[in-house]
PDB file of all heavy atoms in Angstrom:
ATOM      1  N   ALA A   1     181.028   9.927 321.805  1.00  0.00           N
ATOM      2  CA  ALA A   1     181.133  11.281 321.238  1.00  0.00           C
ATOM      3  C   ALA A   1     182.108  11.314 320.064  1.00  0.00           C
ATOM      4  O   ALA A   1     182.696  12.346 319.777  1.00  0.00           O
ATOM      5  CB  ALA A   1     181.586  12.254 322.323  1.00  0.00           C
ATOM      6  N   MET A   2     182.264  10.171 319.380  1.00  0.00           N
ATOM      7  CA  MET A   2     183.223  10.076 318.280  1.00  0.00           C
ATOM      8  C   MET A   2     182.548   9.933 316.925  1.00  0.00           C
ATOM      9  O   MET A   2     183.193   9.562 315.946  1.00  0.00           O
ATOM     10  CB  MET A   2     184.165   8.886 318.514  1.00  0.00           C
ATOM     11  CG  MET A   2     185.142   9.078 319.655  1.00  0.00           C
ATOM     12  SD  MET A   2     186.210   7.630 319.925  1.00  0.00           S
ATOM     13  CE  MET A   2     187.079   7.523 318.363  1.00  0.00           C
ATOM     14  N   SER A   3     181.276  10.218 316.840  1.00  0.00           N
ATOM     15  CA  SER A   3     180.592  10.068 315.562  1.00  0.00           C
ATOM     16  C   SER A   3     181.176  11.021 314.530  1.00  0.00           C
ATOM     17  O   SER A   3     181.811  12.031 314.857  1.00  0.00           O
ATOM     18  CB  SER A   3     179.094  10.313 315.717  1.00  0.00           C
ATOM     19  OG  SER A   3     178.836  11.687 315.952  1.00  0.00           O
ATOM     20  N   THR A   4     180.957  10.707 313.256  1.00  0.00           N
ATOM     21  CA  THR A   4     181.451  11.560 312.176  1.00  0.00           C
ATOM     22  C   THR A   4     180.906  12.968 312.289  1.00  0.00           C
ATOM     23  O   THR A   4     181.591  13.948 311.959  1.00  0.00           O
ATOM     24  CB  THR A   4     181.070  10.947 310.818  1.00  0.00           C
ATOM     25  OG1 THR A   4     181.628   9.618 310.741  1.00  0.00           O
ATOM     26  CG2 THR A   4     181.611  11.773 309.660  1.00  0.00           C
ATOM     27  N   ALA A   5     179.672  13.095 312.774  1.00  0.00           N
ATOM     28  CA  ALA A   5     179.081  14.427 312.938  1.00  0.00           C
ATOM     29  C   ALA A   5     179.880  15.273 313.912  1.00  0.00           C
ATOM     30  O   ALA A   5     180.069  16.481 313.699  1.00  0.00           O
ATOM     31  CB  ALA A   5     177.636  14.303 313.405  1.00  0.00           C
ATOM     32  N   GLU A   6     180.364  14.681 314.996  1.00  0.00           N
ATOM     33  CA  GLU A   6     181.138  15.446 315.974  1.00  0.00           C
ATOM     34  C   GLU A   6     182.461  15.902 315.359  1.00  0.00           C
ATOM     35  O   GLU A   6     182.922  17.025 315.614  1.00  0.00           O
ATOM     36  CB  GLU A   6     181.405  14.599 317.229  1.00  0.00           C
ATOM     37  CG  GLU A   6     180.167  14.075 317.935  1.00  0.00           C
ATOM     38  CD  GLU A   6     179.311  15.159 318.580  1.00  0.00           C
ATOM     39  OE1 GLU A   6     179.585  16.359 318.390  1.00  0.00           O
ATOM     40  OE2 GLU A   6     178.339  14.795 319.266  1.00  0.00           O
ATOM     41  N   VAL A   7     183.070  15.045 314.533  1.00  0.00           N
ATOM     42  CA  VAL A   7     184.323  15.423 313.882  1.00  0.00           C
ATOM     43  C   VAL A   7     184.070  16.538 312.865  1.00  0.00           C
ATOM     44  O   VAL A   7     184.882  17.462 312.718  1.00  0.00           O
ATOM     45  CB  VAL A   7     184.971  14.194 313.213  1.00  0.00           C
ATOM     46  CG1 VAL A   7     186.274  14.579 312.530  1.00  0.00           C
ATOM     47  CG2 VAL A   7     185.230  13.104 314.253  1.00  0.00           C
ATOM     48  N   ALA A   8     182.938  16.474 312.162  1.00  0.00           N
ATOM     49  CA  ALA A   8     182.591  17.549 311.224  1.00  0.00           C
ATOM     50  C   ALA A   8     182.391  18.867 311.970  1.00  0.00           C
ATOM     51  O   ALA A   8     182.807  19.935 311.487  1.00  0.00           O
ATOM     52  CB  ALA A   8     181.331  17.175 310.447  1.00  0.00           C
ATOM     53  N   ARG A   9     181.763  18.814 313.136  1.00  0.00           N
ATOM     54  CA  ARG A   9     181.592  20.037 313.936  1.00  0.00           C
ATOM     55  C   ARG A   9     182.949  20.567 314.391  1.00  0.00           C
ATOM     56  O   ARG A   9     183.202  21.777 314.345  1.00  0.00           O
ATOM     57  CB  ARG A   9     180.687  19.735 315.134  1.00  0.00           C
ATOM     58  CG  ARG A   9     179.253  19.410 314.731  1.00  0.00           C
ATOM     59  CD  ARG A   9     178.381  18.998 315.912  1.00  0.00           C
ATOM     60  NE  ARG A   9     177.079  18.546 315.412  1.00  0.00           N
ATOM     61  CZ  ARG A   9     176.539  17.351 315.641  1.00  0.00           C
ATOM     62  NH1 ARG A   9     177.187  16.470 316.401  1.00  0.00           N
ATOM     63  NH2 ARG A   9     175.368  17.032 315.128  1.00  0.00           N
ATOM     64  N   ASP A  10     183.824  19.662 314.847  1.00  0.00           N
ATOM     65  CA  ASP A  10     185.180  20.088 315.216  1.00  0.00           C
ATOM     66  C   ASP A  10     185.854  20.781 314.039  1.00  0.00           C
ATOM     67  O   ASP A  10     186.506  21.824 314.198  1.00  0.00           O
ATOM     68  CB  ASP A  10     186.022  18.875 315.630  1.00  0.00           C
ATOM     69  CG  ASP A  10     185.592  18.249 316.951  1.00  0.00           C
ATOM     70  OD1 ASP A  10     184.810  18.883 317.692  1.00  0.00           O
ATOM     71  OD2 ASP A  10     186.024  17.108 317.221  1.00  0.00           O
ATOM     72  N   MET A  11     185.718  20.197 312.845  1.00  0.00           N
ATOM     73  CA  MET A  11     186.380  20.748 311.675  1.00  0.00           C
ATOM     74  C   MET A  11     185.841  22.128 311.338  1.00  0.00           C
ATOM     75  O   MET A  11     186.592  23.011 310.897  1.00  0.00           O
ATOM     76  CB  MET A  11     186.222  19.792 310.490  1.00  0.00           C
ATOM     77  CG  MET A  11     187.126  20.114 309.317  1.00  0.00           C
ATOM     78  SD  MET A  11     187.424  18.699 308.206  1.00  0.00           S
ATOM     79  CE  MET A  11     185.759  18.349 307.634  1.00  0.00           C
ATOM     80  N   ASP A  12     184.558  22.363 311.556  1.00  0.00           N
ATOM     81  CA  ASP A  12     184.011  23.680 311.266  1.00  0.00           C
ATOM     82  C   ASP A  12     184.548  24.726 312.236  1.00  0.00           C
ATOM     83  O   ASP A  12     184.854  25.849 311.840  1.00  0.00           O
ATOM     84  CB  ASP A  12     182.483  23.657 311.314  1.00  0.00           C
ATOM     85  CG  ASP A  12     181.892  24.917 310.709  1.00  0.00           C
ATOM     86  OD1 ASP A  12     182.133  25.166 309.514  1.00  0.00           O
ATOM     87  OD2 ASP A  12     181.214  25.672 311.441  1.00  0.00           O
ATOM     88  N   VAL A  13     184.682  24.357 313.502  1.00  0.00           N
ATOM     89  CA  VAL A  13     185.268  25.289 314.476  1.00  0.00           C
ATOM     90  C   VAL A  13     186.732  25.547 314.138  1.00  0.00           C
ATOM     91  O   VAL A  13     187.205  26.695 314.198  1.00  0.00           O
ATOM     92  CB  VAL A  13     185.116  24.733 315.906  1.00  0.00           C
ATOM     93  CG1 VAL A  13     185.874  25.607 316.912  1.00  0.00           C
ATOM     94  CG2 VAL A  13     183.640  24.643 316.303  1.00  0.00           C
ATOM     95  N   LEU A  14     187.455  24.510 313.747  1.00  0.00           N
ATOM     96  CA  LEU A  14     188.867  24.673 313.424  1.00  0.00           C
ATOM     97  C   LEU A  14     189.063  25.424 312.112  1.00  0.00           C
ATOM     98  O   LEU A  14     190.056  26.142 311.945  1.00  0.00           O
ATOM     99  CB  LEU A  14     189.547  23.306 313.375  1.00  0.00           C
ATOM    100  CG  LEU A  14     189.595  22.582 314.730  1.00  0.00           C
ATOM    101  CD1 LEU A  14     190.114  21.168 314.578  1.00  0.00           C
ATOM    102  CD2 LEU A  14     190.420  23.356 315.748  1.00  0.00           C
ATOM    103  N   ARG A  15     188.143  25.276 311.172  1.00  0.00           N
ATOM    104  CA  ARG A  15     188.167  26.108 309.961  1.00  0.00           C
ATOM    105  C   ARG A  15     188.163  27.583 310.338  1.00  0.00           C
ATOM    106  O   ARG A  15     188.930  28.390 309.797  1.00  0.00           O
ATOM    107  CB  ARG A  15     186.940  25.783 309.089  1.00  0.00           C
ATOM    108  CG  ARG A  15     186.705  26.796 307.966  1.00  0.00           C
ATOM    109  CD  ARG A  15     185.285  26.711 307.411  1.00  0.00           C
ATOM    110  NE  ARG A  15     184.254  26.939 308.396  1.00  0.00           N
ATOM    111  CZ  ARG A  15     183.912  28.120 308.896  1.00  0.00           C
ATOM    112  NH1 ARG A  15     184.563  29.212 308.529  1.00  0.00           N
ATOM    113  NH2 ARG A  15     182.946  28.218 309.778  1.00  0.00           N
ATOM    114  N   ARG A  16     187.319  27.924 311.271  1.00  0.00           N
ATOM    115  CA  ARG A  16     187.248  29.301 311.736  1.00  0.00           C
ATOM    116  C   ARG A  16     188.533  29.685 312.470  1.00  0.00           C
ATOM    117  O   ARG A  16     189.039  30.801 312.323  1.00  0.00           O
ATOM    118  CB  ARG A  16     186.041  29.436 312.676  1.00  0.00           C
ATOM    119  CG  ARG A  16     185.739  30.856 313.026  1.00  0.00           C
ATOM    120  CD  ARG A  16     184.593  31.036 314.017  1.00  0.00           C
ATOM    121  NE  ARG A  16     183.748  29.938 314.326  1.00  0.00           N
ATOM    122  CZ  ARG A  16     183.484  29.540 315.577  1.00  0.00           C
ATOM    123  NH1 ARG A  16     184.078  30.136 316.599  1.00  0.00           N
ATOM    124  NH2 ARG A  16     182.652  28.557 315.797  1.00  0.00           N
ATOM    125  N   ALA A  17     189.102  28.738 313.228  1.00  0.00           N
ATOM    126  CA  ALA A  17     190.309  29.029 314.007  1.00  0.00           C
ATOM    127  C   ALA A  17     191.509  29.342 313.123  1.00  0.00           C
ATOM    128  O   ALA A  17     192.378  30.129 313.497  1.00  0.00           O
ATOM    129  CB  ALA A  17     190.627  27.861 314.935  1.00  0.00           C
ATOM    130  N   VAL A  18     191.574  28.719 311.921  1.00  0.00           N
ATOM    131  CA  VAL A  18     192.699  29.005 311.024  1.00  0.00           C
ATOM    132  C   VAL A  18     192.410  30.203 310.124  1.00  0.00           C
ATOM    133  O   VAL A  18     193.235  30.562 309.276  1.00  0.00           O
ATOM    134  CB  VAL A  18     193.066  27.776 310.165  1.00  0.00           C
ATOM    135  CG1 VAL A  18     193.506  26.613 311.051  1.00  0.00           C
ATOM    136  CG2 VAL A  18     191.924  27.372 309.240  1.00  0.00           C
ATOM    137  N   GLY A  19     191.255  30.830 310.302  1.00  0.00           N
ATOM    138  CA  GLY A  19     190.955  32.065 309.596  1.00  0.00           C
ATOM    139  C   GLY A  19     190.286  31.907 308.249  1.00  0.00           C
ATOM    140  O   GLY A  19     190.220  32.873 307.481  1.00  0.00           O
ATOM    141  N   ASP A  20     189.757  30.717 307.944  1.00  0.00           N
ATOM    142  CA  ASP A  20     189.114  30.498 306.652  1.00  0.00           C
ATOM    143  C   ASP A  20     187.608  30.700 306.761  1.00  0.00           C
ATOM    144  O   ASP A  20     186.961  30.045 307.593  1.00  0.00           O
ATOM    145  CB  ASP A  20     189.385  29.084 306.140  1.00  0.00           C
ATOM    146  CG  ASP A  20     190.809  28.907 305.637  1.00  0.00           C
ATOM    147  OD1 ASP A  20     191.602  29.860 305.767  1.00  0.00           O
ATOM    148  OD2 ASP A  20     191.123  27.822 305.119  1.00  0.00           O
ATOM    149  N   PRO A  21     187.029  31.562 305.908  1.00  0.00           N
ATOM    150  CA  PRO A  21     185.575  31.747 305.949  1.00  0.00           C
ATOM    151  C   PRO A  21     184.805  30.531 305.450  1.00  0.00           C
ATOM    152  O   PRO A  21     183.654  30.326 305.816  1.00  0.00           O
ATOM    153  CB  PRO A  21     185.338  32.959 305.051  1.00  0.00           C
ATOM    154  CG  PRO A  21     186.524  33.027 304.158  1.00  0.00           C
ATOM    155  CD  PRO A  21     187.665  32.486 304.952  1.00  0.00           C
ATOM    156  N   LYS A  22     185.442  29.735 304.578  1.00  0.00           N
ATOM    157  CA  LYS A  22     184.806  28.509 304.099  1.00  0.00           C
ATOM    158  C   LYS A  22     185.863  27.401 304.038  1.00  0.00           C
ATOM    159  O   LYS A  22     187.069  27.670 304.002  1.00  0.00           O
ATOM    160  CB  LYS A  22     184.151  28.711 302.729  1.00  0.00           C
ATOM    161  CG  LYS A  22     182.935  29.635 302.790  1.00  0.00           C
ATOM    162  CD  LYS A  22     182.119  29.584 301.501  1.00  0.00           C
ATOM    163  CE  LYS A  22     180.861  30.451 301.637  1.00  0.00           C
ATOM    164  NZ  LYS A  22     179.983  30.340 300.438  1.00  0.00           N
ATOM    165  N   LEU A  23     185.398  26.157 303.994  1.00  0.00           N
ATOM    166  CA  LEU A  23     186.294  25.001 304.104  1.00  0.00           C
ATOM    167  C   LEU A  23     186.810  24.554 302.742  1.00  0.00           C
ATOM    168  O   LEU A  23     186.047  24.404 301.790  1.00  0.00           O
ATOM    169  CB  LEU A  23     185.552  23.832 304.757  1.00  0.00           C
ATOM    170  CG  LEU A  23     186.369  22.539 304.926  1.00  0.00           C
ATOM    171  CD1 LEU A  23     187.343  22.681 306.094  1.00  0.00           C
ATOM    172  CD2 LEU A  23     185.454  21.329 305.143  1.00  0.00           C
ATOM    173  N   THR A  24     188.112  24.288 302.683  1.00  0.00           N
ATOM    174  CA  THR A  24     188.723  23.575 301.569  1.00  0.00           C
ATOM    175  C   THR A  24     189.212  22.242 302.121  1.00  0.00           C
ATOM    176  O   THR A  24     189.929  22.202 303.121  1.00  0.00           O
ATOM    177  CB  THR A  24     189.895  24.362 300.968  1.00  0.00           C
ATOM    178  OG1 THR A  24     189.444  25.666 300.574  1.00  0.00           O
ATOM    179  CG2 THR A  24     190.456  23.646 299.751  1.00  0.00           C
ATOM    180  N   TYR A  25     188.836  21.132 301.455  1.00  0.00           N
ATOM    181  CA  TYR A  25     188.998  19.808 302.076  1.00  0.00           C
ATOM    182  C   TYR A  25     189.335  18.760 301.024  1.00  0.00           C
ATOM    183  O   TYR A  25     188.802  18.770 299.911  1.00  0.00           O
ATOM    184  CB  TYR A  25     187.698  19.420 302.782  1.00  0.00           C
ATOM    185  CG  TYR A  25     187.674  18.031 303.387  1.00  0.00           C
ATOM    186  CD1 TYR A  25     188.227  17.786 304.637  1.00  0.00           C
ATOM    187  CD2 TYR A  25     187.075  16.972 302.710  1.00  0.00           C
ATOM    188  CE1 TYR A  25     188.192  16.511 305.192  1.00  0.00           C
ATOM    189  CE2 TYR A  25     187.040  15.695 303.255  1.00  0.00           C
ATOM    190  CZ  TYR A  25     187.596  15.467 304.501  1.00  0.00           C
ATOM    191  OH  TYR A  25     187.569  14.204 305.040  1.00  0.00           O
ATOM    192  N   LEU A  26     190.230  17.837 301.402  1.00  0.00           N
ATOM    193  CA  LEU A  26     190.569  16.669 300.597  1.00  0.00           C
ATOM    194  C   LEU A  26     190.536  15.457 301.516  1.00  0.00           C
ATOM    195  O   LEU A  26     191.342  15.353 302.438  1.00  0.00           O
ATOM    196  CB  LEU A  26     191.963  16.835 299.972  1.00  0.00           C
ATOM    197  CG  LEU A  26     192.555  15.617 299.254  1.00  0.00           C
ATOM    198  CD1 LEU A  26     191.672  15.152 298.100  1.00  0.00           C
ATOM    199  CD2 LEU A  26     193.974  15.921 298.765  1.00  0.00           C
ATOM    200  N   GLY A  27     189.590  14.546 301.261  1.00  0.00           N
ATOM    201  CA  GLY A  27     189.432  13.370 302.117  1.00  0.00           C
ATOM    202  C   GLY A  27     189.522  12.090 301.314  1.00  0.00           C
ATOM    203  O   GLY A  27     188.911  11.960 300.247  1.00  0.00           O
ATOM    204  N   PHE A  28     190.296  11.136 301.831  1.00  0.00           N
ATOM    205  CA  PHE A  28     190.471   9.846 301.187  1.00  0.00           C
ATOM    206  C   PHE A  28     189.698   8.766 301.945  1.00  0.00           C
ATOM    207  O   PHE A  28     189.644   8.768 303.176  1.00  0.00           O
ATOM    208  CB  PHE A  28     191.952   9.453 301.162  1.00  0.00           C
ATOM    209  CG  PHE A  28     192.827  10.406 300.390  1.00  0.00           C
ATOM    210  CD1 PHE A  28     193.565  11.387 301.046  1.00  0.00           C
ATOM    211  CD2 PHE A  28     192.907  10.334 299.007  1.00  0.00           C
ATOM    212  CE1 PHE A  28     194.377  12.263 300.339  1.00  0.00           C
ATOM    213  CE2 PHE A  28     193.719  11.207 298.290  1.00  0.00           C
ATOM    214  CZ  PHE A  28     194.453  12.174 298.959  1.00  0.00           C
ATOM    215  N   SER A  29     189.118   7.807 301.208  1.00  0.00           N
ATOM    216  CA  SER A  29     188.501   6.619 301.799  1.00  0.00           C
ATOM    217  C   SER A  29     187.404   7.019 302.797  1.00  0.00           C
ATOM    218  O   SER A  29     186.472   7.728 302.410  1.00  0.00           O
ATOM    219  CB  SER A  29     189.601   5.761 302.446  1.00  0.00           C
ATOM    220  OG  SER A  29     189.138   4.478 302.749  1.00  0.00           O
ATOM    221  N   TYR A  30     187.495   6.580 304.070  1.00  0.00           N
ATOM    222  CA  TYR A  30     186.486   7.028 305.035  1.00  0.00           C
ATOM    223  C   TYR A  30     186.439   8.552 305.117  1.00  0.00           C
ATOM    224  O   TYR A  30     185.395   9.133 305.454  1.00  0.00           O
ATOM    225  CB  TYR A  30     186.755   6.435 306.430  1.00  0.00           C
ATOM    226  CG  TYR A  30     186.085   7.241 307.521  1.00  0.00           C
ATOM    227  CD1 TYR A  30     184.731   7.110 307.765  1.00  0.00           C
ATOM    228  CD2 TYR A  30     186.810   8.187 308.250  1.00  0.00           C
ATOM    229  CE1 TYR A  30     184.104   7.891 308.721  1.00  0.00           C
ATOM    230  CE2 TYR A  30     186.202   8.963 309.207  1.00  0.00           C
ATOM    231  CZ  TYR A  30     184.840   8.809 309.441  1.00  0.00           C
ATOM    232  OH  TYR A  30     184.227   9.601 310.383  1.00  0.00           O
ATOM    233  N   GLY A  31     187.536   9.220 304.784  1.00  0.00           N
ATOM    234  CA  GLY A  31     187.506  10.680 304.736  1.00  0.00           C
ATOM    235  C   GLY A  31     186.448  11.201 303.785  1.00  0.00           C
ATOM    236  O   GLY A  31     186.024  12.360 303.891  1.00  0.00           O
ATOM    237  N   SER A  32     185.988  10.351 302.852  1.00  0.00           N
ATOM    238  CA  SER A  32     184.878  10.743 301.976  1.00  0.00           C
ATOM    239  C   SER A  32     183.573  10.826 302.753  1.00  0.00           C
ATOM    240  O   SER A  32     182.694  11.627 302.427  1.00  0.00           O
ATOM    241  CB  SER A  32     184.741   9.753 300.816  1.00  0.00           C
ATOM    242  OG  SER A  32     184.258   8.491 301.250  1.00  0.00           O
ATOM    243  N   VAL A  33     183.414   9.986 303.762  1.00  0.00           N
ATOM    244  CA  VAL A  33     182.224  10.063 304.614  1.00  0.00           C
ATOM    245  C   VAL A  33     182.251  11.365 305.401  1.00  0.00           C
ATOM    246  O   VAL A  33     181.258  12.104 305.449  1.00  0.00           O
ATOM    247  CB  VAL A  33     182.152   8.849 305.561  1.00  0.00           C
ATOM    248  CG1 VAL A  33     180.960   8.966 306.508  1.00  0.00           C
ATOM    249  CG2 VAL A  33     182.063   7.550 304.765  1.00  0.00           C
ATOM    250  N   LEU A  34     183.400  11.672 306.003  1.00  0.00           N
ATOM    251  CA  LEU A  34     183.528  12.922 306.743  1.00  0.00           C
ATOM    252  C   LEU A  34     183.243  14.115 305.832  1.00  0.00           C
ATOM    253  O   LEU A  34     182.537  15.057 306.208  1.00  0.00           O
ATOM    254  CB  LEU A  34     184.933  13.023 307.344  1.00  0.00           C
ATOM    255  CG  LEU A  34     185.287  14.333 308.062  1.00  0.00           C
ATOM    256  CD1 LEU A  34     184.311  14.623 309.197  1.00  0.00           C
ATOM    257  CD2 LEU A  34     186.728  14.281 308.579  1.00  0.00           C
ATOM    258  N   GLY A  35     183.787  14.086 304.614  1.00  0.00           N
ATOM    259  CA  GLY A  35     183.545  15.186 303.688  1.00  0.00           C
ATOM    260  C   GLY A  35     182.079  15.341 303.340  1.00  0.00           C
ATOM    261  O   GLY A  35     181.553  16.464 303.277  1.00  0.00           O
TER     262      GLY A  35
END
């Protein structure tokens, strides 16, 4: 359950949790895959 897709889903839920209607993101290296 550690695929990049699951982390992207987590990030979308957490985006909502911090009160942001849309995501602002900066990803380095493999973080580019997540982005």
